Amino acid sequence: MHDNLTGLPNRELFIDRMEAAFAYARSDPQMRPSIMLIDLDRFKQVNDSVGIAVGDSILLTIARRLGRVLKPQDTLARLSGDQFALILMSEKEPARIVAFAETMRRTLRAPIAFNDREIFITASIGLALSENQQVRTEEVLKDAELAMYYAKRIGGDRIEIFKPAMRSRKTDRLTMESELRRAIEREEIKVLYQPIVRLEDRAIAGFEALARWDHPKMGRLSPAEFISIAEEIGLIVDLGLFVLDRTARQLAQWQAANKGREPIFASVNVSSRQLLRHDLIQDLRSVLARHTVARGTLKLEITESLVMENPEHAAQILSRVRELGAGLSMDDFGTGHSSLAYLQRFPFDTIKIDQSFVRTTPRGTRPVILRSIISMAHDLGMEVVAEGAETDSDAVELYQLGCEYAQGFAFGEPMSAEAARDLLVEKPARIRALKIASE
């Protein structure tokens, strides 16, 4: 009835307690048990890198952390290797239940010390809220599981609440994998470009390259719907190289057509598998040999949490990337746990501030930490791109705070290479008009 490693209830005991909780709720309308399924992200990679014994120690630490935020009437269980589940009885209001789930997510994200390094764990959390209906226990657990898989599919480290529409989104996984393997050959993968604007003069300074899959049956799919599959089946390296090469070719054409002006840049996202492979350097060298772009303008965009998974290795790879002539942009800054000491060692030239620090609070003010992040980046000799600029007033205030660049729907949604070329060559007046409107 209990898990040997953590001492928590196992799946059998958990389901038994679920049935008791729902039976109790049927007799008392005040009771609203909610079910959470917690699945650790990329835990297999952690096990592979530190060994099973340390992996077990991490699982034990996680179980203790989660247990500390529970109340006596709640039940935490370990269902399988890196999957936990929770019956939440202590909270009844949906808003408080979601806030509790967020507390669980943040508790998991705190680094775990191991010898002289820190290990960062995130989780995908699926939440099934009680509707006080006559439902079967297995169905509620499946609903939470569906929500969890949806959270994992769109990047992990997030909470998703189950919605009935999620049942219809289930797609034959094997079919998706097979079709994705052929998608590059069939030219179904498209690269779109979202403008990044220089706030000083509102000119287009660069673009972020974003992959889309034009599926023959399901239409255009966002990265959230296929990148995790590509990572799991080992296709992410081929996909990443395709986007990098296509972007470099496009960037070379744009720079050739705009000679005499400051060269624009283009950022390409790099996955964990790409960063950890030694072939990344060779792939980048080949791409830069095929396409002539100004030094530092083809930027590899890497998330803060990714470089902190293995900071020593990342620092070595990133230094070699800079030596080859590529730029480096740290994405989602502020959402990870990088220390200032490590940040000084990474050769990034640009920091992208996550949109959660850019958007206004309910009181209409910017998060206080925003100014500090911009100031720190400048002290480290880095330029700053603010994500999530939705309005012209956002752009004005970001410029006043010292931010050099902004990206967001205020300046354009992801667009085709042709539309981006038109924006650069034929329609500069559109950007100038935005500048005049703000003055």
Protein backbone atom coordinates (compact mmCIF):
# COMPACT_ATOMS: atom_id res chain seq x y z
CA MET A 1 0.00 0.00 0.00
CA HIS A 2 2.99 2.33 0.37
CA ASP A 3 5.92 3.28 -1.85
CA ASN A 4 9.19 1.71 -0.67
CA LEU A 5 11.37 4.76 -1.38
CA THR A 6 9.28 7.68 -0.09
CA GLY A 7 6.87 5.96 2.28
CA LEU A 8 3.99 7.71 0.50
CA PRO A 9 0.77 5.91 -0.47
CA ASN A 10 1.12 4.00 -3.75
CA ARG A 11 -1.35 4.03 -6.64
CA GLU A 12 -3.63 1.39 -5.07
CA LEU A 13 -3.97 3.24 -1.77
CA PHE A 14 -4.33 6.58 -3.57
CA ILE A 15 -7.30 5.33 -5.62
CA ASP A 16 -8.85 3.88 -2.47
CA ARG A 17 -8.57 7.27 -0.75
CA MET A 18 -9.93 9.01 -3.86
CA GLU A 19 -13.05 6.83 -3.72
CA ALA A 20 -13.48 7.64 -0.04
CA ALA A 21 -13.04 11.38 -0.70
CA PHE A 22 -15.61 11.45 -3.49
CA ALA A 23 -18.05 9.35 -1.44
CA TYR A 24 -17.68 11.86 1.39
CA ALA A 25 -18.19 14.77 -1.04
CA ARG A 26 -21.47 13.27 -2.30
CA SER A 27 -22.87 13.41 1.23
CA ASP A 28 -21.48 16.87 1.98
CA PRO A 29 -21.80 19.50 -0.83
CA GLN A 30 -19.27 21.69 1.01
CA MET A 31 -16.50 19.23 0.25
CA ARG A 32 -14.86 19.55 -3.18
CA PRO A 33 -11.89 17.23 -3.58
CA SER A 34 -9.52 18.21 -6.39
CA ILE A 35 -7.01 15.89 -8.00
CA MET A 36 -3.51 16.93 -9.09
CA LEU A 37 -1.13 14.85 -11.17
CA ILE A 38 2.50 15.97 -10.92
CA ASP A 39 4.98 14.66 -13.49
CA LEU A 40 8.64 15.73 -13.28
CA ASP A 41 10.02 17.20 -16.52
CA ARG A 42 13.00 15.48 -18.18
CA PHE A 43 13.72 13.40 -15.06
CA LYS A 44 15.17 10.59 -17.16
CA GLN A 45 17.92 12.97 -18.28
CA VAL A 46 18.63 13.83 -14.63
CA ASN A 47 18.88 10.13 -13.78
CA ASP A 48 21.20 9.54 -16.73
CA SER A 49 23.51 12.39 -15.68
CA VAL A 50 23.71 11.81 -11.90
CA GLY A 51 22.90 8.12 -11.54
CA ILE A 52 19.94 6.22 -10.10
CA ALA A 53 21.09 6.50 -6.46
CA VAL A 54 21.22 10.31 -6.61
CA GLY A 55 17.98 10.28 -8.62
CA ASP A 56 16.28 8.39 -5.79
CA SER A 57 17.65 10.92 -3.31
CA ILE A 58 16.15 13.72 -5.42
CA LEU A 59 12.76 11.97 -5.48
CA LEU A 60 12.90 11.65 -1.69
CA THR A 61 13.70 15.36 -1.36
CA ILE A 62 10.80 16.25 -3.65
CA ALA A 63 8.39 14.05 -1.68
CA ARG A 64 9.41 15.78 1.55
CA ARG A 65 9.08 19.24 0.01
CA LEU A 66 5.61 18.54 -1.32
CA GLY A 67 4.57 16.98 1.97
CA ARG A 68 5.50 20.15 3.87
CA VAL A 69 2.94 22.31 2.02
CA LEU A 70 0.02 19.90 2.63
CA LYS A 71 -2.55 19.92 5.40
CA PRO A 72 -3.58 16.77 7.34
CA GLN A 73 -6.72 16.21 5.27
CA ASP A 74 -4.77 16.16 1.95
CA THR A 75 -3.20 13.01 0.48
CA LEU A 76 0.06 12.88 -1.47
CA ALA A 77 1.05 9.67 -3.29
CA ARG A 78 3.79 8.43 -5.60
CA LEU A 79 2.11 6.70 -8.52
CA SER A 80 5.21 5.68 -10.49
CA GLY A 81 8.89 6.57 -11.00
CA ASP A 82 8.72 10.36 -11.33
CA GLN A 83 4.97 10.86 -11.04
CA PHE A 84 3.16 12.04 -7.92
CA ALA A 85 -0.53 12.66 -7.28
CA LEU A 86 -2.48 14.67 -4.75
CA ILE A 87 -6.02 14.68 -3.34
CA LEU A 88 -6.60 18.27 -2.21
CA MET A 89 -9.35 18.57 0.41
CA SER A 90 -8.11 21.62 2.33
CA GLU A 91 -9.02 24.15 -0.38
CA LYS A 92 -12.46 24.48 -1.97
CA GLU A 93 -12.49 27.71 -4.01
CA PRO A 94 -11.10 27.31 -7.58
CA ALA A 95 -8.86 30.40 -7.26
CA ARG A 96 -7.31 29.10 -4.03
CA ILE A 97 -6.87 25.62 -5.52
CA VAL A 98 -4.96 27.09 -8.50
CA ALA A 99 -2.89 29.24 -6.11
CA PHE A 100 -2.04 26.09 -4.13
CA ALA A 101 -0.96 24.33 -7.33
CA GLU A 102 1.28 27.31 -8.11
CA THR A 103 2.84 27.00 -4.65
CA MET A 104 3.56 23.33 -5.42
CA ARG A 105 5.14 24.27 -8.76
CA ARG A 106 7.38 26.90 -7.15
CA THR A 107 8.34 24.52 -4.35
CA LEU A 108 9.56 22.01 -6.94
CA ARG A 109 11.59 24.64 -8.83
CA ALA A 110 13.89 25.46 -5.90
CA PRO A 111 17.38 24.05 -6.64
CA ILE A 112 18.52 20.82 -5.00
CA ALA A 113 22.15 20.82 -3.80
CA PHE A 114 24.27 17.87 -4.94
CA ASN A 115 27.99 17.93 -4.06
CA ASP A 116 29.25 21.21 -5.56
CA ARG A 117 26.42 21.70 -8.04
CA GLU A 118 22.73 22.50 -8.03
CA ILE A 119 20.06 20.46 -9.81
CA PHE A 120 16.91 22.16 -11.05
CA ILE A 121 13.68 20.22 -11.31
CA THR A 122 10.44 21.42 -12.88
CA ALA A 123 7.11 19.66 -13.23
CA SER A 124 4.02 19.55 -15.40
CA ILE A 125 0.91 19.65 -13.23
CA GLY A 126 -2.56 18.55 -14.35
CA LEU A 127 -5.46 19.69 -12.21
CA ALA A 128 -8.99 18.21 -12.22
CA LEU A 129 -11.41 20.40 -10.24
CA SER A 130 -14.38 18.75 -8.57
CA GLU A 131 -17.72 19.58 -10.13
CA ASN A 132 -19.73 17.74 -7.47
CA GLN A 133 -20.97 15.30 -10.07
CA GLN A 134 -21.45 11.56 -9.92
CA VAL A 135 -18.17 10.65 -11.60
CA ARG A 136 -16.02 7.56 -11.46
CA THR A 137 -12.69 7.82 -9.67
CA GLU A 138 -10.73 6.48 -12.66
CA GLU A 139 -12.26 9.15 -14.93
CA VAL A 140 -11.19 12.01 -12.65
CA LEU A 141 -7.65 10.63 -12.51
CA LYS A 142 -7.60 10.32 -16.31
CA ASP A 143 -8.82 13.93 -16.61
CA ALA A 144 -5.94 15.12 -14.40
CA GLU A 145 -3.56 12.99 -16.46
CA LEU A 146 -4.84 14.52 -19.72
CA ALA A 147 -4.30 18.02 -18.32
CA MET A 148 -0.80 17.04 -17.17
CA TYR A 149 0.14 15.71 -20.62
CA TYR A 150 -1.21 18.88 -22.17
CA ALA A 151 1.01 20.95 -19.82
CA LYS A 152 4.00 18.80 -20.78
CA ARG A 153 3.22 19.09 -24.49
CA ILE A 154 3.34 22.87 -24.41
CA GLY A 155 6.69 23.10 -22.70
CA GLY A 156 6.38 21.81 -19.14
CA ASP A 157 6.93 23.72 -15.88
CA ARG A 158 3.30 24.80 -15.89
CA ILE A 159 -0.17 24.04 -14.53
CA GLU A 160 -3.10 23.10 -16.75
CA ILE A 161 -6.69 22.74 -15.55
CA PHE A 162 -8.66 19.97 -17.21
CA LYS A 163 -11.26 21.05 -19.77
CA PRO A 164 -13.58 18.62 -21.60
CA ALA A 165 -12.16 19.84 -24.94
CA MET A 166 -8.84 18.20 -24.01
CA ARG A 167 -10.38 14.79 -24.64
CA SER A 168 -10.94 15.64 -28.29
CA ARG A 169 -7.34 16.87 -28.64
CA LYS A 170 -5.92 13.40 -28.12
CA THR A 171 -4.09 12.47 -31.28
CA ASP A 172 -2.55 9.17 -32.27
CA ARG A 173 0.98 9.69 -30.95
CA LEU A 174 2.61 7.16 -33.26
CA THR A 175 0.98 8.77 -36.29
CA MET A 176 2.19 12.22 -35.18
CA GLU A 177 5.74 10.90 -34.74
CA SER A 178 5.74 9.28 -38.17
CA GLU A 179 4.37 12.40 -39.86
CA LEU A 180 6.81 14.68 -38.05
CA ARG A 181 9.77 12.60 -39.30
CA ARG A 182 8.66 13.31 -42.87
CA ALA A 183 7.60 16.91 -42.31
CA ILE A 184 11.04 18.43 -43.04
CA GLU A 185 11.45 16.45 -46.27
CA ARG A 186 7.97 17.50 -47.40
CA GLU A 187 8.71 21.16 -46.58
CA GLU A 188 5.83 21.29 -44.11
CA ILE A 189 8.00 23.03 -41.50
CA LYS A 190 7.82 26.78 -42.04
CA VAL A 191 9.97 29.44 -40.41
CA LEU A 192 8.19 32.64 -39.40
CA TYR A 193 9.87 35.81 -38.17
CA GLN A 194 8.65 38.07 -35.38
CA PRO A 195 10.03 41.65 -35.49
CA ILE A 196 12.29 42.98 -32.74
CA VAL A 197 12.30 46.81 -32.73
CA ARG A 198 14.98 49.26 -31.63
CA LEU A 199 13.14 51.50 -29.19
CA GLU A 200 15.31 54.57 -29.83
CA ASP A 201 14.04 55.09 -33.39
CA ARG A 202 11.39 52.33 -33.76
CA ALA A 203 13.34 50.76 -36.63
CA ILE A 204 13.35 47.00 -37.21
CA ALA A 205 16.53 45.76 -35.52
CA GLY A 206 16.02 42.04 -36.03
CA PHE A 207 13.70 39.05 -35.90
CA GLU A 208 13.13 35.95 -33.81
CA ALA A 209 12.79 32.81 -35.95
CA LEU A 210 9.84 30.63 -34.96
CA ALA A 211 9.03 27.20 -36.40
CA ARG A 212 5.51 26.22 -37.45
CA TRP A 213 4.27 22.91 -38.82
CA ASP A 214 1.76 23.13 -41.66
CA HIS A 215 0.17 19.74 -41.02
CA PRO A 216 -1.76 18.43 -44.04
CA LYS A 217 -4.80 17.49 -41.90
CA MET A 218 -4.63 19.53 -38.70
CA GLY A 219 -3.52 22.82 -40.22
CA ARG A 220 -0.83 25.05 -38.78
CA LEU A 221 0.58 23.74 -35.49
CA SER A 222 2.54 25.87 -33.01
CA PRO A 223 5.84 24.66 -31.49
CA ALA A 224 3.98 23.81 -28.27
CA GLU A 225 2.17 21.07 -30.19
CA PHE A 226 5.16 19.29 -31.73
CA ILE A 227 8.51 20.38 -30.21
CA SER A 228 8.17 18.07 -27.19
CA ILE A 229 7.50 15.14 -29.55
CA ALA A 230 10.54 16.09 -31.63
CA GLU A 231 12.67 16.11 -28.45
CA GLU A 232 11.41 12.72 -27.28
CA ILE A 233 12.00 10.94 -30.60
CA GLY A 234 15.40 12.56 -31.20
CA LEU A 235 14.29 14.69 -34.15
CA ILE A 236 14.89 18.02 -32.41
CA VAL A 237 18.50 18.18 -33.63
CA ASP A 238 17.53 17.85 -37.31
CA LEU A 239 14.65 20.28 -36.81
CA GLY A 240 16.87 22.80 -35.03
CA LEU A 241 19.54 22.61 -37.73
CA PHE A 242 16.90 23.12 -40.42
CA VAL A 243 15.59 26.29 -38.72
CA LEU A 244 19.14 27.57 -38.10
CA ASP A 245 20.19 27.06 -41.72
CA ARG A 246 16.98 28.55 -43.15
CA THR A 247 17.26 31.59 -40.87
CA ALA A 248 20.93 32.17 -41.71
CA ARG A 249 20.13 32.03 -45.43
CA GLN A 250 17.30 34.54 -44.99
CA LEU A 251 19.42 36.81 -42.81
CA ALA A 252 22.19 36.88 -45.45
CA GLN A 253 19.63 37.95 -48.08
CA TRP A 254 18.20 40.70 -45.88
CA GLN A 255 21.64 42.07 -45.03
CA ALA A 256 22.70 42.04 -48.71
CA ALA A 257 19.55 43.97 -49.65
CA ASN A 258 20.10 46.56 -46.91
CA LYS A 259 23.77 47.38 -47.37
CA GLY A 260 24.83 50.67 -45.86
CA ARG A 261 22.49 50.31 -42.89
CA GLU A 262 23.27 48.76 -39.52
CA PRO A 263 22.93 44.99 -40.14
CA ILE A 264 19.83 43.41 -38.69
CA PHE A 265 20.05 40.27 -36.56
CA ALA A 266 18.04 37.06 -36.26
CA SER A 267 17.63 34.86 -33.17
CA VAL A 268 17.14 31.08 -33.33
CA ASN A 269 16.05 29.00 -30.33
CA VAL A 270 18.36 26.17 -29.26
CA SER A 271 17.07 23.09 -27.41
CA SER A 272 18.80 21.17 -24.63
CA ARG A 273 19.72 18.30 -26.96
CA GLN A 274 21.37 20.69 -29.39
CA LEU A 275 23.34 22.45 -26.67
CA LEU A 276 24.58 19.22 -25.10
CA ARG A 277 25.76 17.75 -28.41
CA HIS A 278 29.35 18.38 -29.46
CA ASP A 279 28.08 18.53 -33.06
CA LEU A 280 26.47 21.92 -32.38
CA ILE A 281 29.78 23.65 -33.01
CA GLN A 282 30.34 21.79 -36.28
CA ASP A 283 26.76 22.44 -37.40
CA LEU A 284 27.11 26.15 -36.64
CA ARG A 285 30.47 26.32 -38.44
CA SER A 286 28.90 24.74 -41.54
CA VAL A 287 25.92 27.10 -41.50
CA LEU A 288 28.13 30.19 -41.18
CA ALA A 289 30.35 28.91 -44.00
CA ARG A 290 27.33 28.54 -46.32
CA HIS A 291 25.76 31.91 -45.54
CA THR A 292 27.69 35.16 -45.16
CA VAL A 293 26.23 37.22 -42.32
CA ALA A 294 27.72 40.02 -40.21
CA ARG A 295 29.55 38.81 -37.13
CA GLY A 296 27.30 38.41 -34.11
CA THR A 297 24.03 38.89 -36.02
CA LEU A 298 23.01 35.23 -36.16
CA LYS A 299 22.12 34.77 -32.49
CA LEU A 300 21.52 31.49 -30.69
CA GLU A 301 18.73 31.97 -28.17
CA ILE A 302 19.07 29.78 -25.08
CA THR A 303 16.84 29.76 -22.01
CA GLU A 304 18.24 30.61 -18.59
CA SER A 305 17.08 27.28 -17.11
CA LEU A 306 18.80 25.37 -19.91
CA VAL A 307 22.29 26.81 -19.32
CA MET A 308 21.89 26.21 -15.59
CA GLU A 309 21.25 22.49 -16.10
CA ASN A 310 24.97 22.07 -16.70
CA PRO A 311 26.63 25.50 -16.31
CA GLU A 312 30.23 24.32 -16.69
CA HIS A 313 29.56 22.55 -19.98
CA ALA A 314 27.32 25.38 -21.19
CA ALA A 315 30.03 28.00 -20.51
CA GLN A 316 32.53 26.05 -22.65
CA ILE A 317 30.11 25.53 -25.56
CA LEU A 318 28.91 29.14 -25.50
CA SER A 319 32.48 30.47 -25.58
CA ARG A 320 33.16 28.41 -28.71
CA VAL A 321 29.93 29.69 -30.27
CA ARG A 322 31.10 33.27 -29.76
CA GLU A 323 34.52 32.44 -31.22
CA LEU A 324 32.82 31.21 -34.41
CA GLY A 325 31.13 34.59 -34.82
CA ALA A 326 27.57 33.90 -33.65
CA GLY A 327 25.73 36.03 -31.11
CA LEU A 328 24.18 34.71 -27.90
CA SER A 329 20.89 35.70 -26.34
CA MET A 330 19.64 34.48 -22.96
CA ASP A 331 15.90 33.87 -23.25
CA ASP A 332 13.24 34.04 -20.51
CA PHE A 333 15.60 35.82 -18.15
CA GLY A 334 14.21 36.07 -14.62
CA THR A 335 12.30 32.78 -14.69
CA GLY A 336 15.25 30.53 -13.77
CA HIS A 337 17.73 30.37 -10.93
CA SER A 338 21.04 31.55 -12.40
CA SER A 339 23.37 33.19 -9.92
CA LEU A 340 25.14 36.44 -10.71
CA ALA A 341 28.49 34.63 -10.45
CA TYR A 342 27.51 32.24 -13.25
CA LEU A 343 25.84 34.95 -15.31
CA GLN A 344 29.16 36.82 -15.43
CA ARG A 345 30.88 33.71 -16.85
CA PHE A 346 28.45 33.15 -19.72
CA PRO A 347 29.43 35.11 -22.88
CA PHE A 348 25.90 36.38 -23.69
CA ASP A 349 25.61 39.68 -25.52
CA THR A 350 21.83 40.00 -25.09
CA ILE A 351 19.29 39.28 -22.36
CA LYS A 352 15.62 38.77 -23.20
CA ILE A 353 13.43 39.67 -20.25
CA ASP A 354 10.47 37.36 -19.83
CA GLN A 355 7.11 39.00 -20.50
CA SER A 356 5.95 38.29 -16.94
CA PHE A 357 8.34 41.06 -15.80
CA VAL A 358 7.27 43.42 -18.59
CA ARG A 359 3.50 43.37 -18.30
CA THR A 360 1.83 45.73 -15.87
CA THR A 361 0.54 44.52 -12.51
CA PRO A 362 -3.20 44.72 -11.64
CA ARG A 363 -2.42 48.15 -10.18
CA GLY A 364 -1.15 49.37 -13.55
CA THR A 365 2.55 49.49 -12.60
CA ARG A 366 5.55 47.53 -13.90
CA PRO A 367 7.17 44.92 -11.62
CA VAL A 368 9.80 46.67 -9.48
CA ILE A 369 12.48 44.17 -10.49
CA LEU A 370 12.30 45.20 -14.17
CA ARG A 371 14.48 48.28 -13.68
CA SER A 372 17.01 46.23 -11.69
CA ILE A 373 17.29 43.57 -14.42
CA ILE A 374 17.90 46.20 -17.11
CA SER A 375 20.53 47.94 -14.97
CA MET A 376 22.28 44.64 -14.16
CA ALA A 377 22.37 43.62 -17.84
CA HIS A 378 24.00 46.92 -18.76
CA ASP A 379 26.55 46.55 -15.95
CA LEU A 380 27.47 43.17 -17.51
CA GLY A 381 27.84 44.76 -20.97
CA MET A 382 24.68 43.20 -22.39
CA GLU A 383 21.82 44.68 -24.40
CA VAL A 384 18.22 44.07 -23.38
CA VAL A 385 15.20 42.84 -25.35
CA ALA A 386 11.84 43.09 -23.55
CA GLU A 387 9.29 40.47 -24.57
CA GLY A 388 5.55 41.02 -24.47
CA ALA A 389 5.34 44.68 -25.54
CA GLU A 390 1.63 44.89 -26.34
CA THR A 391 1.02 48.62 -26.65
CA ASP A 392 2.83 51.77 -27.69
CA SER A 393 2.81 52.97 -24.08
CA ASP A 394 4.68 49.75 -23.18
CA ALA A 395 7.38 50.71 -25.69
CA VAL A 396 7.66 54.29 -24.39
CA GLU A 397 8.03 53.19 -20.78
CA LEU A 398 10.53 50.44 -21.63
CA TYR A 399 12.67 52.97 -23.51
CA GLN A 400 12.56 55.32 -20.51
CA LEU A 401 13.79 52.45 -18.33
CA GLY A 402 16.82 52.04 -20.61
CA CYS A 403 15.72 48.98 -22.58
CA GLU A 404 17.22 48.91 -26.10
CA TYR A 405 14.82 46.57 -27.90
CA ALA A 406 11.26 45.28 -27.61
CA GLN A 407 9.35 42.39 -29.11
CA GLY A 408 5.62 41.85 -29.03
CA PHE A 409 2.36 42.22 -30.87
CA ALA A 410 2.71 46.03 -30.72
CA PHE A 411 5.33 45.66 -33.46
CA GLY A 412 4.06 42.67 -35.39
CA GLU A 413 3.09 39.03 -35.12
CA PRO A 414 5.27 36.22 -36.52
CA MET A 415 5.28 36.62 -40.31
CA SER A 416 6.62 34.99 -43.47
CA ALA A 417 10.06 35.85 -44.85
CA GLU A 418 8.38 37.76 -47.69
CA ALA A 419 6.30 39.88 -45.30
CA ALA A 420 9.42 40.55 -43.21
CA ARG A 421 11.27 41.68 -46.35
CA ASP A 422 8.43 44.07 -47.19
CA LEU A 423 8.59 45.46 -43.68
CA LEU A 424 12.35 46.05 -44.05
CA VAL A 425 12.42 47.42 -47.60
CA GLU A 426 9.06 48.70 -48.75
CA LYS A 427 7.26 49.86 -45.64
CA PRO A 428 9.62 51.67 -43.25
CA ALA A 429 7.03 54.42 -42.98
CA ARG A 430 4.85 52.12 -40.87
CA ILE A 431 7.46 51.96 -38.13
CA ARG A 432 8.15 55.71 -38.40
CA ALA A 433 4.44 56.36 -37.95
CA LEU A 434 4.53 54.49 -34.65
CA LYS A 435 7.43 56.69 -33.53
CA ILE A 436 5.60 59.91 -34.46
CA ALA A 437 2.44 58.74 -32.65
CA SER A 438 4.41 58.29 -29.44
CA GLU A 439 6.02 61.72 -29.48
